[in-house]
Amino acid sequence: MDLKFARTDVTDKPKKVDLAKIEAAVEKDDSIIFYFDKDNSHKDLLALQDHFEAKGKSFYMSEVKFGMSDNDYMYQVHIMS
């Protein structure tokens, strides 16, 4: 499963990350927050949630709006032990 991190600039393309790198970051810290791009499918993010909840982790996801347009948002994902 490949996901896209949130853009740091409106003109940039989102950077891709695979599940192995996300897992490594989660194992390194007890609590970690990721910001994912709006181009990710909601289905993929729910699959990510199922994956970490099956491992006994707590998973919280929300939309973060950063502009006036309905298209100005990203997903905030908080994973903790």
PDB file of N, CA and C in Angstrom:
ATOM      1  N   MET A   1       0.848  -1.168   0.000  1.00  0.00           N
ATOM      2  CA  MET A   1       0.000   0.000   0.000  1.00  0.00           C
ATOM      3  C   MET A   1       0.899   1.239   0.000  1.00  0.00           C
ATOM      4  N   ASP A   2       0.701   2.109  -0.958  1.00  0.00           N
ATOM      5  CA  ASP A   2       1.425   3.369  -1.027  1.00  0.00           C
ATOM      6  C   ASP A   2       0.470   4.509  -0.702  1.00  0.00           C
ATOM      7  N   LEU A   3       0.915   5.390   0.166  1.00  0.00           N
ATOM      8  CA  LEU A   3       0.150   6.580   0.505  1.00  0.00           C
ATOM      9  C   LEU A   3       0.982   7.800   0.161  1.00  0.00           C
ATOM     10  N   LYS A   4       0.353   8.960   0.156  1.00  0.00           N
ATOM     11  CA  LYS A   4       1.041  10.202  -0.188  1.00  0.00           C
ATOM     12  C   LYS A   4       1.014  11.137   1.011  1.00  0.00           C
ATOM     13  N   PHE A   5       2.210  11.623   1.391  1.00  0.00           N
ATOM     14  CA  PHE A   5       2.292  12.621   2.447  1.00  0.00           C
ATOM     15  C   PHE A   5       1.711  13.938   1.956  1.00  0.00           C
ATOM     16  N   ALA A   6       1.271  14.762   2.879  1.00  0.00           N
ATOM     17  CA  ALA A   6       0.724  16.072   2.537  1.00  0.00           C
ATOM     18  C   ALA A   6       1.794  16.924   1.867  1.00  0.00           C
ATOM     19  N   ARG A   7       1.355  17.750   0.946  1.00  0.00           N
ATOM     20  CA  ARG A   7       2.261  18.648   0.230  1.00  0.00           C
ATOM     21  C   ARG A   7       2.754  19.744   1.180  1.00  0.00           C
ATOM     22  N   THR A   8       3.993  20.146   0.980  1.00  0.00           N
ATOM     23  CA  THR A   8       4.525  21.262   1.759  1.00  0.00           C
ATOM     24  C   THR A   8       4.360  22.575   1.008  1.00  0.00           C
ATOM     25  N   ASP A   9       4.041  22.495  -0.275  1.00  0.00           N
ATOM     26  CA  ASP A   9       3.789  23.665  -1.106  1.00  0.00           C
ATOM     27  C   ASP A   9       2.663  23.316  -2.077  1.00  0.00           C
ATOM     28  N   VAL A  10       1.825  24.275  -2.386  1.00  0.00           N
ATOM     29  CA  VAL A  10       0.663  24.020  -3.240  1.00  0.00           C
ATOM     30  C   VAL A  10       1.071  23.522  -4.625  1.00  0.00           C
ATOM     31  N   THR A  11       2.215  23.969  -5.124  1.00  0.00           N
ATOM     32  CA  THR A  11       2.649  23.592  -6.475  1.00  0.00           C
ATOM     33  C   THR A  11       3.415  22.271  -6.503  1.00  0.00           C
ATOM     34  N   ASP A  12       3.832  21.763  -5.351  1.00  0.00           N
ATOM     35  CA  ASP A  12       4.576  20.494  -5.294  1.00  0.00           C
ATOM     36  C   ASP A  12       3.652  19.306  -5.481  1.00  0.00           C
ATOM     37  N   LYS A  13       4.249  18.197  -5.885  1.00  0.00           N
ATOM     38  CA  LYS A  13       3.513  16.939  -5.929  1.00  0.00           C
ATOM     39  C   LYS A  13       3.732  16.231  -4.597  1.00  0.00           C
ATOM     40  N   PRO A  14       2.741  15.486  -4.104  1.00  0.00           N
ATOM     41  CA  PRO A  14       2.909  14.787  -2.825  1.00  0.00           C
ATOM     42  C   PRO A  14       3.935  13.660  -2.934  1.00  0.00           C
ATOM     43  N   LYS A  15       4.683  13.456  -1.854  1.00  0.00           N
ATOM     44  CA  LYS A  15       5.688  12.394  -1.816  1.00  0.00           C
ATOM     45  C   LYS A  15       5.040  11.098  -1.363  1.00  0.00           C
ATOM     46  N   LYS A  16       5.402  10.005  -2.034  1.00  0.00           N
ATOM     47  CA  LYS A  16       4.830   8.698  -1.705  1.00  0.00           C
ATOM     48  C   LYS A  16       5.617   8.029  -0.582  1.00  0.00           C
ATOM     49  N   VAL A  17       4.901   7.232   0.191  1.00  0.00           N
ATOM     50  CA  VAL A  17       5.508   6.456   1.270  1.00  0.00           C
ATOM     51  C   VAL A  17       4.825   5.095   1.290  1.00  0.00           C
ATOM     52  N   ASP A  18       5.598   4.048   1.572  1.00  0.00           N
ATOM     53  CA  ASP A  18       5.001   2.716   1.629  1.00  0.00           C
ATOM     54  C   ASP A  18       4.732   2.326   3.080  1.00  0.00           C
ATOM     55  N   LEU A  19       3.977   1.273   3.244  1.00  0.00           N
ATOM     56  CA  LEU A  19       3.544   0.826   4.563  1.00  0.00           C
ATOM     57  C   LEU A  19       4.720   0.457   5.455  1.00  0.00           C
ATOM     58  N   ALA A  20       5.786  -0.104   4.888  1.00  0.00           N
ATOM     59  CA  ALA A  20       6.950  -0.504   5.687  1.00  0.00           C
ATOM     60  C   ALA A  20       7.595   0.702   6.378  1.00  0.00           C
ATOM     61  N   LYS A  21       7.681   1.823   5.686  1.00  0.00           N
ATOM     62  CA  LYS A  21       8.280   3.018   6.281  1.00  0.00           C
ATOM     63  C   LYS A  21       7.387   3.605   7.369  1.00  0.00           C
ATOM     64  N   ILE A  22       6.087   3.527   7.176  1.00  0.00           N
ATOM     65  CA  ILE A  22       5.157   4.003   8.201  1.00  0.00           C
ATOM     66  C   ILE A  22       5.262   3.123   9.439  1.00  0.00           C
ATOM     67  N   GLU A  23       5.312   1.811   9.240  1.00  0.00           N
ATOM     68  CA  GLU A  23       5.446   0.885  10.358  1.00  0.00           C
ATOM     69  C   GLU A  23       6.738   1.124  11.130  1.00  0.00           C
ATOM     70  N   ALA A  24       7.844   1.363  10.422  1.00  0.00           N
ATOM     71  CA  ALA A  24       9.125   1.617  11.076  1.00  0.00           C
ATOM     72  C   ALA A  24       9.051   2.865  11.953  1.00  0.00           C
ATOM     73  N   ALA A  25       8.395   3.910  11.455  1.00  0.00           N
ATOM     74  CA  ALA A  25       8.257   5.146  12.235  1.00  0.00           C
ATOM     75  C   ALA A  25       7.373   4.927  13.456  1.00  0.00           C
ATOM     76  N   VAL A  26       6.323   4.136  13.315  1.00  0.00           N
ATOM     77  CA  VAL A  26       5.413   3.865  14.434  1.00  0.00           C
ATOM     78  C   VAL A  26       6.117   3.027  15.499  1.00  0.00           C
ATOM     79  N   GLU A  27       6.911   2.059  15.094  1.00  0.00           N
ATOM     80  CA  GLU A  27       7.631   1.219  16.053  1.00  0.00           C
ATOM     81  C   GLU A  27       8.702   2.010  16.803  1.00  0.00           C
ATOM     82  N   LYS A  28       9.232   3.033  16.155  1.00  0.00           N
ATOM     83  CA  LYS A  28      10.296   3.855  16.747  1.00  0.00           C
ATOM     84  C   LYS A  28       9.760   4.736  17.877  1.00  0.00           C
ATOM     85  N   ASP A  29       8.551   5.250  17.720  1.00  0.00           N
ATOM     86  CA  ASP A  29       7.947   6.156  18.705  1.00  0.00           C
ATOM     87  C   ASP A  29       6.667   5.556  19.256  1.00  0.00           C
ATOM     88  N   ASP A  30       6.327   5.920  20.492  1.00  0.00           N
ATOM     89  CA  ASP A  30       5.075   5.441  21.087  1.00  0.00           C
ATOM     90  C   ASP A  30       3.861   6.152  20.504  1.00  0.00           C
ATOM     91  N   SER A  31       4.079   7.394  20.072  1.00  0.00           N
ATOM     92  CA  SER A  31       2.995   8.196  19.527  1.00  0.00           C
ATOM     93  C   SER A  31       3.547   9.021  18.368  1.00  0.00           C
ATOM     94  N   ILE A  32       2.870   8.988  17.229  1.00  0.00           N
ATOM     95  CA  ILE A  32       3.349   9.703  16.056  1.00  0.00           C
ATOM     96  C   ILE A  32       2.167  10.240  15.264  1.00  0.00           C
ATOM     97  N   ILE A  33       2.372  11.391  14.651  1.00  0.00           N
ATOM     98  CA  ILE A  33       1.330  12.021  13.837  1.00  0.00           C
ATOM     99  C   ILE A  33       1.847  12.145  12.412  1.00  0.00           C
ATOM    100  N   PHE A  34       1.025  11.725  11.456  1.00  0.00           N
ATOM    101  CA  PHE A  34       1.324  11.856  10.030  1.00  0.00           C
ATOM    102  C   PHE A  34       0.281  12.767   9.400  1.00  0.00           C
ATOM    103  N   TYR A  35       0.699  13.473   8.368  1.00  0.00           N
ATOM    104  CA  TYR A  35      -0.220  14.275   7.574  1.00  0.00           C
ATOM    105  C   TYR A  35      -0.203  13.726   6.153  1.00  0.00           C
ATOM    106  N   PHE A  36      -1.364  13.275   5.685  1.00  0.00           N
ATOM    107  CA  PHE A  36      -1.487  12.679   4.365  1.00  0.00           C
ATOM    108  C   PHE A  36      -2.260  13.607   3.436  1.00  0.00           C
ATOM    109  N   ASP A  37      -1.929  13.523   2.159  1.00  0.00           N
ATOM    110  CA  ASP A  37      -2.514  14.389   1.145  1.00  0.00           C
ATOM    111  C   ASP A  37      -3.970  14.022   0.865  1.00  0.00           C
ATOM    112  N   LYS A  38      -4.705  15.003   0.372  1.00  0.00           N
ATOM    113  CA  LYS A  38      -6.119  14.775   0.028  1.00  0.00           C
ATOM    114  C   LYS A  38      -6.276  13.834  -1.163  1.00  0.00           C
ATOM    115  N   ASP A  39      -5.188  13.594  -1.936  1.00  0.00           N
ATOM    116  CA  ASP A  39      -5.250  12.694  -3.090  1.00  0.00           C
ATOM    117  C   ASP A  39      -5.316  11.223  -2.686  1.00  0.00           C
ATOM    118  N   ASN A  40      -5.072  10.906  -1.414  1.00  0.00           N
ATOM    119  CA  ASN A  40      -5.208   9.529  -0.953  1.00  0.00           C
ATOM    120  C   ASN A  40      -6.685   9.152  -0.935  1.00  0.00           C
ATOM    121  N   SER A  41      -6.941   7.913  -1.273  1.00  0.00           N
ATOM    122  CA  SER A  41      -8.340   7.477  -1.207  1.00  0.00           C
ATOM    123  C   SER A  41      -8.705   7.192   0.254  1.00  0.00           C
ATOM    124  N   HIS A  42      -9.929   7.503   0.588  1.00  0.00           N
ATOM    125  CA  HIS A  42     -10.412   7.258   1.953  1.00  0.00           C
ATOM    126  C   HIS A  42     -10.339   5.761   2.266  1.00  0.00           C
ATOM    127  N   LYS A  43     -10.540   4.946   1.263  1.00  0.00           N
ATOM    128  CA  LYS A  43     -10.481   3.487   1.415  1.00  0.00           C
ATOM    129  C   LYS A  43      -9.080   3.045   1.851  1.00  0.00           C
ATOM    130  N   ASP A  44      -8.037   3.636   1.261  1.00  0.00           N
ATOM    131  CA  ASP A  44      -6.662   3.295   1.653  1.00  0.00           C
ATOM    132  C   ASP A  44      -6.370   3.712   3.090  1.00  0.00           C
ATOM    133  N   LEU A  45      -6.878   4.855   3.484  1.00  0.00           N
ATOM    134  CA  LEU A  45      -6.658   5.308   4.858  1.00  0.00           C
ATOM    135  C   LEU A  45      -7.407   4.426   5.857  1.00  0.00           C
ATOM    136  N   LEU A  46      -8.569   3.960   5.487  1.00  0.00           N
ATOM    137  CA  LEU A  46      -9.291   3.018   6.356  1.00  0.00           C
ATOM    138  C   LEU A  46      -8.571   1.677   6.435  1.00  0.00           C
ATOM    139  N   ALA A  47      -7.944   1.256   5.337  1.00  0.00           N
ATOM    140  CA  ALA A  47      -7.147   0.030   5.356  1.00  0.00           C
ATOM    141  C   ALA A  47      -5.937   0.202   6.272  1.00  0.00           C
ATOM    142  N   LEU A  48      -5.345   1.390   6.274  1.00  0.00           N
ATOM    143  CA  LEU A  48      -4.240   1.689   7.180  1.00  0.00           C
ATOM    144  C   LEU A  48      -4.713   1.619   8.626  1.00  0.00           C
ATOM    145  N   GLN A  49      -5.898   2.141   8.880  1.00  0.00           N
ATOM    146  CA  GLN A  49      -6.475   2.079  10.217  1.00  0.00           C
ATOM    147  C   GLN A  49      -6.683   0.629  10.648  1.00  0.00           C
ATOM    148  N   ASP A  50      -7.262  -0.184   9.796  1.00  0.00           N
ATOM    149  CA  ASP A  50      -7.480  -1.594  10.115  1.00  0.00           C
ATOM    150  C   ASP A  50      -6.165  -2.308  10.402  1.00  0.00           C
ATOM    151  N   HIS A  51      -5.142  -1.989   9.632  1.00  0.00           N
ATOM    152  CA  HIS A  51      -3.826  -2.614   9.783  1.00  0.00           C
ATOM    153  C   HIS A  51      -3.253  -2.344  11.184  1.00  0.00           C
ATOM    154  N   PHE A  52      -3.271  -1.084  11.624  1.00  0.00           N
ATOM    155  CA  PHE A  52      -2.677  -0.746  12.917  1.00  0.00           C
ATOM    156  C   PHE A  52      -3.563  -1.129  14.090  1.00  0.00           C
ATOM    157  N   GLU A  53      -4.859  -1.090  13.919  1.00  0.00           N
ATOM    158  CA  GLU A  53      -5.740  -1.538  14.995  1.00  0.00           C
ATOM    159  C   GLU A  53      -5.628  -3.044  15.206  1.00  0.00           C
ATOM    160  N   ALA A  54      -5.358  -3.795  14.139  1.00  0.00           N
ATOM    161  CA  ALA A  54      -5.142  -5.240  14.270  1.00  0.00           C
ATOM    162  C   ALA A  54      -3.865  -5.530  15.062  1.00  0.00           C
ATOM    163  N   LYS A  55      -2.936  -4.594  15.066  1.00  0.00           N
ATOM    164  CA  LYS A  55      -1.691  -4.733  15.827  1.00  0.00           C
ATOM    165  C   LYS A  55      -1.828  -4.191  17.251  1.00  0.00           C
ATOM    166  N   GLY A  56      -3.029  -3.766  17.626  1.00  0.00           N
ATOM    167  CA  GLY A  56      -3.275  -3.279  18.979  1.00  0.00           C
ATOM    168  C   GLY A  56      -2.960  -1.808  19.191  1.00  0.00           C
ATOM    169  N   LYS A  57      -2.807  -1.055  18.124  1.00  0.00           N
ATOM    170  CA  LYS A  57      -2.508   0.380  18.225  1.00  0.00           C
ATOM    171  C   LYS A  57      -3.801   1.182  18.187  1.00  0.00           C
ATOM    172  N   SER A  58      -3.785   2.366  18.787  1.00  0.00           N
ATOM    173  CA  SER A  58      -4.902   3.296  18.681  1.00  0.00           C
ATOM    174  C   SER A  58      -4.675   4.168  17.455  1.00  0.00           C
ATOM    175  N   PHE A  59      -5.723   4.440  16.718  1.00  0.00           N
ATOM    176  CA  PHE A  59      -5.626   5.150  15.444  1.00  0.00           C
ATOM    177  C   PHE A  59      -6.713   6.208  15.401  1.00  0.00           C
ATOM    178  N   TYR A  60      -6.314   7.458  15.226  1.00  0.00           N
ATOM    179  CA  TYR A  60      -7.265   8.561  15.126  1.00  0.00           C
ATOM    180  C   TYR A  60      -7.003   9.310  13.829  1.00  0.00           C
ATOM    181  N   MET A  61      -8.058   9.542  13.049  1.00  0.00           N
ATOM    182  CA  MET A  61      -7.913  10.228  11.775  1.00  0.00           C
ATOM    183  C   MET A  61      -8.927  11.365  11.704  1.00  0.00           C
ATOM    184  N   SER A  62      -8.479  12.505  11.170  1.00  0.00           N
ATOM    185  CA  SER A  62      -9.387  13.634  10.980  1.00  0.00           C
ATOM    186  C   SER A  62      -8.948  14.438   9.765  1.00  0.00           C
ATOM    187  N   GLU A  63      -9.875  15.219   9.243  1.00  0.00           N
ATOM    188  CA  GLU A  63      -9.564  16.129   8.150  1.00  0.00           C
ATOM    189  C   GLU A  63      -9.160  17.468   8.747  1.00  0.00           C
ATOM    190  N   VAL A  64      -8.093  18.039   8.203  1.00  0.00           N
ATOM    191  CA  VAL A  64      -7.619  19.344   8.646  1.00  0.00           C
ATOM    192  C   VAL A  64      -7.768  20.309   7.479  1.00  0.00           C
ATOM    193  N   LYS A  65      -8.580  21.328   7.656  1.00  0.00           N
ATOM    194  CA  LYS A  65      -8.768  22.350   6.622  1.00  0.00           C
ATOM    195  C   LYS A  65      -7.726  23.436   6.828  1.00  0.00           C
ATOM    196  N   PHE A  66      -7.124  23.905   5.707  1.00  0.00           N
ATOM    197  CA  PHE A  66      -6.106  24.941   5.815  1.00  0.00           C
ATOM    198  C   PHE A  66      -6.373  26.127   4.907  1.00  0.00           C
ATOM    199  N   GLY A  67      -7.542  26.185   4.326  1.00  0.00           N
ATOM    200  CA  GLY A  67      -7.892  27.309   3.456  1.00  0.00           C
ATOM    201  C   GLY A  67      -9.391  27.491   3.409  1.00  0.00           C
ATOM    202  N   MET A  68      -9.813  28.431   2.593  1.00  0.00           N
ATOM    203  CA  MET A  68     -11.234  28.746   2.488  1.00  0.00           C
ATOM    204  C   MET A  68     -11.983  27.797   1.546  1.00  0.00           C
ATOM    205  N   SER A  69     -11.269  27.179   0.616  1.00  0.00           N
ATOM    206  CA  SER A  69     -11.893  26.290  -0.358  1.00  0.00           C
ATOM    207  C   SER A  69     -12.185  24.923   0.268  1.00  0.00           C
ATOM    208  N   ASP A  70     -13.201  24.260  -0.249  1.00  0.00           N
ATOM    209  CA  ASP A  70     -13.515  22.907   0.221  1.00  0.00           C
ATOM    210  C   ASP A  70     -12.414  21.916  -0.140  1.00  0.00           C
ATOM    211  N   ASN A  71     -11.585  22.247  -1.121  1.00  0.00           N
ATOM    212  CA  ASN A  71     -10.507  21.351  -1.551  1.00  0.00           C
ATOM    213  C   ASN A  71      -9.208  21.580  -0.799  1.00  0.00           C
ATOM    214  N   ASP A  72      -9.188  22.506   0.144  1.00  0.00           N
ATOM    215  CA  ASP A  72      -7.986  22.795   0.921  1.00  0.00           C
ATOM    216  C   ASP A  72      -8.029  22.021   2.231  1.00  0.00           C
ATOM    217  N   TYR A  73      -7.664  20.752   2.159  1.00  0.00           N
ATOM    218  CA  TYR A  73      -7.640  19.925   3.365  1.00  0.00           C
ATOM    219  C   TYR A  73      -6.586  18.835   3.228  1.00  0.00           C
ATOM    220  N   MET A  74      -6.259  18.247   4.356  1.00  0.00           N
ATOM    221  CA  MET A  74      -5.364  17.090   4.414  1.00  0.00           C
ATOM    222  C   MET A  74      -5.880  16.188   5.530  1.00  0.00           C
ATOM    223  N   TYR A  75      -5.356  14.992   5.584  1.00  0.00           N
ATOM    224  CA  TYR A  75      -5.741  14.050   6.630  1.00  0.00           C
ATOM    225  C   TYR A  75      -4.666  14.028   7.709  1.00  0.00           C
ATOM    226  N   GLN A  76      -5.089  14.141   8.944  1.00  0.00           N
ATOM    227  CA  GLN A  76      -4.186  13.997  10.073  1.00  0.00           C
ATOM    228  C   GLN A  76      -4.427  12.628  10.687  1.00  0.00           C
ATOM    229  N   VAL A  77      -3.354  11.855  10.808  1.00  0.00           N
ATOM    230  CA  VAL A  77      -3.452  10.507  11.376  1.00  0.00           C
ATOM    231  C   VAL A  77      -2.535  10.434  12.594  1.00  0.00           C
ATOM    232  N   HIS A  78      -3.092  10.063  13.735  1.00  0.00           N
ATOM    233  CA  HIS A  78      -2.351   9.924  14.970  1.00  0.00           C
ATOM    234  C   HIS A  78      -2.388   8.452  15.379  1.00  0.00           C
ATOM    235  N   ILE A  79      -1.216   7.844  15.468  1.00  0.00           N
ATOM    236  CA  ILE A  79      -1.114   6.428  15.839  1.00  0.00           C
ATOM    237  C   ILE A  79      -0.334   6.347  17.131  1.00  0.00           C
ATOM    238  N   MET A  80      -0.888   5.613  18.093  1.00  0.00           N
ATOM    239  CA  MET A  80      -0.197   5.464  19.385  1.00  0.00           C
ATOM    240  C   MET A  80      -0.396   4.071  19.947  1.00  0.00           C
ATOM    241  N   SER A  81       0.500   3.742  20.865  1.00  0.00           N
ATOM    242  CA  SER A  81       0.454   2.410  21.494  1.00  0.00           C
ATOM    243  C   SER A  81      -0.675   2.299  22.480  1.00  0.00           C
TER     244      SER A  81
END
